[in-house]
């Protein structure tokens, strides 16, 4: 069943009308022209709506529960996927999934946060908020990939690293820092794709890549709009204003040089046509890795280093 966001109410009303007419048509009424007319009207309304989304509306789209998740990408794009568990220090973290498989016939290491698609799976994966064990697992897998010359793909969608007391006691900040350092140190190409939320160090830890791609309606920021609102205005209700001020959209990130390219989403967002979005993402991944196919390890490291140094120069 399709879930509508608050600002999509006009489209929801038209879609509801179409459903009513289809039910009527099933009884034998010849109203196909009326159905087509309203469907066209709904499609146009949806297109117009998504062509002019505000940063806050993009935030809501990025958080839509029906957007494709990490497991959807793995299931569609990666064959022979073998997940690896544990950080060899404390335990397993279900929020960050990682393992090895094949992408279009070639070996690849895949990492990413999984938010879950049902109440049970969201609890299991801690809503995609990784603990230190998740980032230490990521480091372990990246070092293994580097050792065997296997490129690394990160699929990022998280509200941030888990801020619980236990996570802090086990060294959350240090684990994030070491994961970021592991990304920067890789002698193999790494590509990161921000599909929904890319929040704070929880995202940076696996997004420090040679190529950073971002979905059209995804967001990327050091803090959520709600948290920024509470800090800046001491009022959590100003999240919409914060989202605009923070410049968190894919378009902002491309302009600042933080990401390399934007992956266009289907009309109405990736959640309305996940199969098309996943297929397009696969093509973008292939192209991104192809750019580094003939580079040496030193050249790959130098390109990544220069990329992030340039961001500071552009914003300075």
Protein backbone atom coordinates (compact mmCIF):
# COMPACT_ATOMS: atom_id res chain seq x y z
CA UNK A 1 0.00 0.00 0.00
CA UNK A 2 1.40 3.39 -1.02
CA UNK A 3 2.21 5.84 1.75
CA UNK A 4 1.73 9.56 1.07
CA UNK A 5 3.60 12.43 2.66
CA UNK A 6 1.66 15.43 4.00
CA UNK A 7 2.53 17.68 1.06
CA UNK A 8 1.35 14.98 -1.38
CA UNK A 9 -2.31 15.26 -0.34
CA UNK A 10 -3.48 16.71 -3.70
CA UNK A 11 -1.96 13.71 -5.48
CA UNK A 12 -3.36 11.31 -2.89
CA UNK A 13 -6.86 12.65 -3.52
CA UNK A 14 -6.53 12.15 -7.28
CA UNK A 15 -5.12 8.64 -6.85
CA UNK A 16 -8.00 7.81 -4.52
CA UNK A 17 -10.45 9.02 -7.14
CA UNK A 18 -8.78 6.81 -9.74
CA UNK A 19 -9.09 3.79 -7.42
CA UNK A 20 -12.79 4.51 -6.94
CA UNK A 21 -13.37 4.75 -10.68
CA UNK A 22 -11.47 1.52 -11.33
CA UNK A 23 -13.66 -0.24 -8.78
CA UNK A 24 -16.69 1.16 -10.58
CA UNK A 25 -15.31 0.09 -13.96
CA UNK A 26 -14.95 -3.45 -12.62
CA UNK A 27 -18.75 -3.59 -12.34
CA UNK A 28 -19.07 -3.02 -16.08
CA UNK A 29 -19.21 0.78 -16.37
CA UNK A 30 -17.39 2.24 -19.37
CA UNK A 31 -15.42 5.08 -17.78
CA UNK A 32 -11.96 4.38 -19.17
CA UNK A 33 -11.63 7.89 -20.63
CA UNK A 34 -12.42 9.49 -17.28
CA UNK A 35 -9.90 7.26 -15.55
CA UNK A 36 -7.20 8.17 -18.08
CA UNK A 37 -7.97 11.87 -17.68
CA UNK A 38 -7.61 11.78 -13.91
CA UNK A 39 -4.49 9.60 -14.12
CA UNK A 40 -2.88 12.18 -16.41
CA UNK A 41 -3.93 14.94 -14.04
CA UNK A 42 -2.41 13.07 -11.08
CA UNK A 43 0.84 12.43 -12.95
CA UNK A 44 1.11 16.10 -13.90
CA UNK A 45 0.39 17.20 -10.33
CA UNK A 46 3.05 14.82 -9.03
CA UNK A 47 5.61 16.02 -11.56
CA UNK A 48 4.96 19.68 -10.76
CA UNK A 49 5.11 19.01 -7.03
CA UNK A 50 8.46 17.20 -7.16
CA UNK A 51 9.98 19.77 -9.51
CA UNK A 52 9.76 22.40 -6.78
CA UNK A 53 10.39 20.62 -3.49
CA UNK A 54 11.66 22.67 -0.57
CA UNK A 55 14.65 21.39 1.44
CA UNK A 56 12.28 20.28 4.19
CA UNK A 57 10.09 18.41 1.74
CA UNK A 58 13.20 16.71 0.35
CA UNK A 59 14.04 15.71 3.91
CA UNK A 60 10.65 14.03 4.23
CA UNK A 61 11.13 12.26 0.89
CA UNK A 62 14.62 11.11 1.92
CA UNK A 63 13.09 9.53 5.02
CA UNK A 64 10.19 7.88 3.20
CA UNK A 65 9.90 4.31 4.56
CA UNK A 66 9.29 2.85 1.10
CA UNK A 67 12.50 4.13 -0.49
CA UNK A 68 14.80 1.29 -1.61
CA UNK A 69 17.08 0.11 1.18
CA UNK A 70 20.51 -1.50 1.25
CA UNK A 71 19.11 -5.03 1.12
CA UNK A 72 17.09 -4.08 -1.97
CA UNK A 73 20.24 -2.93 -3.78
CA UNK A 74 22.17 -6.01 -2.73
CA UNK A 75 19.35 -8.31 -3.81
CA UNK A 76 19.05 -6.68 -7.24
CA UNK A 77 22.66 -5.79 -8.07
CA UNK A 78 24.96 -8.15 -6.17
CA UNK A 79 25.23 -11.86 -6.85
CA UNK A 80 26.83 -14.47 -4.59
CA UNK A 81 26.67 -12.00 -1.71
CA UNK A 82 28.22 -13.37 1.46
CA UNK A 83 27.68 -11.18 4.54
CA UNK A 84 30.38 -11.14 7.22
CA UNK A 85 29.56 -10.49 10.85
CA UNK A 86 31.32 -9.13 13.90
CA UNK A 87 34.11 -6.70 14.63
CA UNK A 88 36.39 -9.26 16.35
CA UNK A 89 36.27 -7.10 19.47
CA UNK A 90 32.76 -6.95 20.92
CA UNK A 91 30.03 -8.35 18.71
CA UNK A 92 27.82 -8.02 15.65
CA UNK A 93 25.96 -4.85 14.63
CA UNK A 94 22.90 -5.46 12.46
CA UNK A 95 22.58 -1.75 11.59
CA UNK A 96 25.60 -1.90 9.28
CA UNK A 97 25.65 -4.79 6.82
CA UNK A 98 28.80 -5.70 4.97
CA UNK A 99 30.18 -8.51 2.90
CA UNK A 100 31.57 -9.65 -0.43
CA UNK A 101 29.89 -10.61 -3.67
CA UNK A 102 29.96 -9.97 -7.39
CA UNK A 103 28.78 -6.91 -9.25
CA UNK A 104 28.29 -7.59 -12.95
CA UNK A 105 30.65 -10.53 -12.70
CA UNK A 106 33.45 -8.83 -10.75
CA UNK A 107 34.31 -9.10 -7.06
CA UNK A 108 33.15 -6.27 -4.82
CA UNK A 109 32.96 -5.40 -1.13
CA UNK A 110 29.62 -3.87 -0.12
CA UNK A 111 28.94 -1.85 3.05
CA UNK A 112 25.92 0.11 4.15
CA UNK A 113 23.32 0.95 6.73
CA UNK A 114 20.03 -0.93 6.70
CA UNK A 115 17.04 0.85 8.25
CA UNK A 116 14.59 -2.01 7.89
CA UNK A 117 11.21 -2.10 6.15
CA UNK A 118 8.92 -3.38 8.92
CA UNK A 119 8.61 -2.77 12.64
CA UNK A 120 10.44 -6.01 13.40
CA UNK A 121 13.27 -5.38 10.95
CA UNK A 122 13.66 -1.74 12.01
CA UNK A 123 14.19 -2.84 15.58
CA UNK A 124 16.58 -5.57 14.45
CA UNK A 125 18.65 -3.09 12.44
CA UNK A 126 18.33 -0.31 15.04
CA UNK A 127 16.81 1.97 12.38
CA UNK A 128 20.12 2.06 10.53
CA UNK A 129 22.00 3.71 13.40
CA UNK A 130 25.25 1.79 13.80
CA UNK A 131 27.16 1.26 17.03
CA UNK A 132 30.98 1.13 17.26
CA UNK A 133 30.91 -2.55 16.32
CA UNK A 134 29.38 -1.65 12.97
CA UNK A 135 32.14 0.78 12.07
CA UNK A 136 34.85 -1.58 13.31
CA UNK A 137 33.31 -4.27 11.14
CA UNK A 138 33.44 -1.82 8.22
CA UNK A 139 37.15 -1.23 8.88
CA UNK A 140 37.78 -4.98 8.98
CA UNK A 141 36.04 -5.49 5.64
CA UNK A 142 37.71 -2.52 3.96
CA UNK A 143 41.15 -3.72 5.05
CA UNK A 144 40.34 -7.19 3.73
CA UNK A 145 39.15 -5.74 0.41
CA UNK A 146 42.31 -3.66 0.14
CA UNK A 147 44.47 -6.70 0.82
CA UNK A 148 42.89 -8.63 -2.06
CA UNK A 149 42.47 -5.71 -4.48
CA UNK A 150 38.66 -5.66 -4.33
CA UNK A 151 36.83 -2.32 -4.85
CA UNK A 152 34.50 -1.07 -2.11
CA UNK A 153 30.91 0.15 -2.52
CA UNK A 154 29.14 2.01 0.29
CA UNK A 155 25.38 2.56 0.28
CA UNK A 156 24.53 5.23 2.82
CA UNK A 157 21.18 5.83 4.51
CA UNK A 158 21.26 6.68 8.20
CA UNK A 159 20.00 9.30 10.63
CA UNK A 160 23.44 9.05 12.24
CA UNK A 161 25.50 6.79 14.45
CA UNK A 162 23.70 5.47 17.52
CA UNK A 163 24.20 7.95 20.42
CA UNK A 164 23.43 5.56 23.29
CA UNK A 165 25.50 5.35 26.45
CA UNK A 166 26.79 1.87 25.63
CA UNK A 167 27.95 2.99 22.20
CA UNK A 168 29.80 5.96 23.69
CA UNK A 169 31.39 3.76 26.36
CA UNK A 170 32.71 1.43 23.65
CA UNK A 171 34.30 4.28 21.68
CA UNK A 172 31.78 5.46 19.11
CA UNK A 173 33.78 8.54 18.06
CA UNK A 174 37.03 6.60 17.75
CA UNK A 175 35.35 3.87 15.69
CA UNK A 176 33.91 6.48 13.29
CA UNK A 177 37.30 8.18 12.99
CA UNK A 178 39.07 4.89 12.24
CA UNK A 179 36.46 3.98 9.64
CA UNK A 180 36.90 7.36 7.95
CA UNK A 181 40.67 6.85 7.98
CA UNK A 182 40.24 3.38 6.48
CA UNK A 183 38.24 4.88 3.61
CA UNK A 184 40.95 7.45 2.94
CA UNK A 185 43.73 4.86 3.10
CA UNK A 186 42.27 2.38 0.60
CA UNK A 187 44.48 1.51 -2.34
CA UNK A 188 41.42 0.26 -4.24
CA UNK A 189 38.66 2.44 -5.66
CA UNK A 190 35.70 3.13 -3.40
CA UNK A 191 32.34 4.56 -4.41
CA UNK A 192 29.66 5.82 -2.02
CA UNK A 193 26.00 6.46 -2.80
CA UNK A 194 23.76 8.47 -0.47
CA UNK A 195 20.30 7.07 -1.11
CA UNK A 196 18.30 8.69 1.70
CA UNK A 197 19.76 10.35 4.77
CA UNK A 198 23.49 10.93 5.11
CA UNK A 199 23.70 12.31 8.62
CA UNK A 200 26.76 13.27 10.62
CA UNK A 201 29.81 11.10 11.27
CA UNK A 202 27.62 8.04 10.97
CA UNK A 203 27.52 8.70 7.23
CA UNK A 204 31.00 10.19 6.78
CA UNK A 205 32.56 7.01 8.22
CA UNK A 206 31.79 5.09 5.01
CA UNK A 207 31.24 7.95 2.53
CA UNK A 208 34.83 9.22 2.24
CA UNK A 209 35.21 7.82 -1.26
CA UNK A 210 36.78 8.42 -4.66
CA UNK A 211 33.30 9.03 -6.05
CA UNK A 212 30.34 10.19 -3.97
CA UNK A 213 26.98 9.99 -5.71
CA UNK A 214 23.69 11.17 -4.28
CA UNK A 215 20.03 10.52 -5.07
CA UNK A 216 18.15 13.58 -6.30
CA UNK A 217 15.99 13.86 -3.18
CA UNK A 218 18.51 12.61 -0.60
CA UNK A 219 20.03 14.84 2.10
CA UNK A 220 23.58 15.10 3.49
CA UNK A 221 24.46 17.04 6.62
CA UNK A 222 26.43 17.16 9.86
CA UNK A 223 23.20 17.19 11.87
CA UNK A 224 19.47 16.71 11.36
CA UNK A 225 17.26 19.78 10.79
CA UNK A 226 15.40 19.04 14.04
CA UNK A 227 18.60 18.93 16.09
CA UNK A 228 19.95 22.06 14.40
CA UNK A 229 16.69 23.84 15.16
CA UNK A 230 16.97 22.92 18.84
CA UNK A 231 20.55 24.18 19.01
CA UNK A 232 20.26 27.37 16.96
CA UNK A 233 16.82 28.56 18.00
CA UNK A 234 16.22 26.43 21.10
CA UNK A 235 13.01 25.49 19.38
CA UNK A 236 12.55 22.09 17.73
CA UNK A 237 9.59 23.35 15.70
CA UNK A 238 11.82 25.37 13.37
CA UNK A 239 13.13 22.32 11.53
CA UNK A 240 11.78 23.54 8.19
CA UNK A 241 13.66 26.82 8.53
CA UNK A 242 16.80 24.95 9.62
CA UNK A 243 16.63 22.63 6.61
CA UNK A 244 16.64 25.62 4.27
CA UNK A 245 19.49 27.38 6.09
CA UNK A 246 21.70 24.30 6.33
CA UNK A 247 21.97 23.64 2.56
CA UNK A 248 21.50 19.88 2.84
CA UNK A 249 20.09 18.91 -0.56
CA UNK A 250 21.88 17.04 -3.34
CA UNK A 251 21.82 20.20 -5.43
CA UNK A 252 23.60 22.13 -2.65
CA UNK A 253 26.17 19.36 -2.21
CA UNK A 254 26.98 19.30 -5.92
CA UNK A 255 27.36 23.07 -6.00
CA UNK A 256 29.77 22.97 -3.06
CA UNK A 257 31.76 20.12 -4.57
CA UNK A 258 30.97 17.74 -1.71
CA UNK A 259 29.54 15.12 -4.09
CA UNK A 260 30.44 14.24 -7.66
CA UNK A 261 27.05 13.71 -9.28
CA UNK A 262 23.30 13.45 -8.70
CA UNK A 263 21.26 10.40 -9.67
CA UNK A 264 17.89 11.53 -10.97
CA UNK A 265 14.91 9.87 -9.32
CA UNK A 266 11.68 8.76 -11.03
CA UNK A 267 8.79 11.20 -10.91
CA UNK A 268 7.48 11.20 -7.35
CA UNK A 269 10.71 9.90 -5.83
CA UNK A 270 12.63 6.63 -5.75
CA UNK A 271 9.98 4.99 -3.58
CA UNK A 272 7.43 5.18 -6.41
CA UNK A 273 9.55 3.16 -8.84
CA UNK A 274 12.33 1.44 -6.89
CA UNK A 275 13.15 -1.08 -9.65
CA UNK A 276 13.94 1.68 -12.15
CA UNK A 277 15.96 3.57 -9.55
CA UNK A 278 17.99 0.52 -8.57
CA UNK A 279 18.74 -0.28 -12.23
CA UNK A 280 19.91 3.29 -12.87
CA UNK A 281 22.03 3.13 -9.73
CA UNK A 282 23.70 -0.03 -11.01
CA UNK A 283 24.69 1.75 -14.23
CA UNK A 284 26.08 4.70 -12.24
CA UNK A 285 28.11 2.37 -10.02
CA UNK A 286 29.59 0.62 -13.04
CA UNK A 287 30.59 3.93 -14.63
CA UNK A 288 32.11 5.25 -11.41
CA UNK A 289 34.32 2.20 -10.90
CA UNK A 290 35.28 2.13 -14.57
CA UNK A 291 36.92 5.55 -14.16
CA UNK A 292 39.53 3.96 -11.83
CA UNK A 293 40.00 0.63 -13.55
CA UNK A 294 43.50 1.33 -14.86
CA UNK A 295 44.84 3.52 -12.03
CA UNK A 296 47.51 2.39 -9.59
CA UNK A 297 46.89 2.25 -5.84
CA UNK A 298 48.94 5.41 -5.32
CA UNK A 299 46.97 7.24 -8.02
CA UNK A 300 43.67 6.17 -6.46
CA UNK A 301 44.76 7.41 -3.03
CA UNK A 302 46.02 10.67 -4.49
CA UNK A 303 42.76 11.31 -6.37
CA UNK A 304 40.74 10.71 -3.21
CA UNK A 305 43.02 12.92 -1.12
CA UNK A 306 42.90 15.74 -3.66
CA UNK A 307 39.11 15.48 -3.95
CA UNK A 308 38.59 16.16 -0.25
CA UNK A 309 41.25 18.86 -0.09
CA UNK A 310 39.48 20.67 -2.90
CA UNK A 311 36.23 20.75 -0.92
CA UNK A 312 37.90 22.79 1.79
CA UNK A 313 39.40 25.18 -0.74
CA UNK A 314 36.08 25.71 -2.48
CA UNK A 315 34.24 26.47 0.76
CA UNK A 316 37.05 28.47 2.30
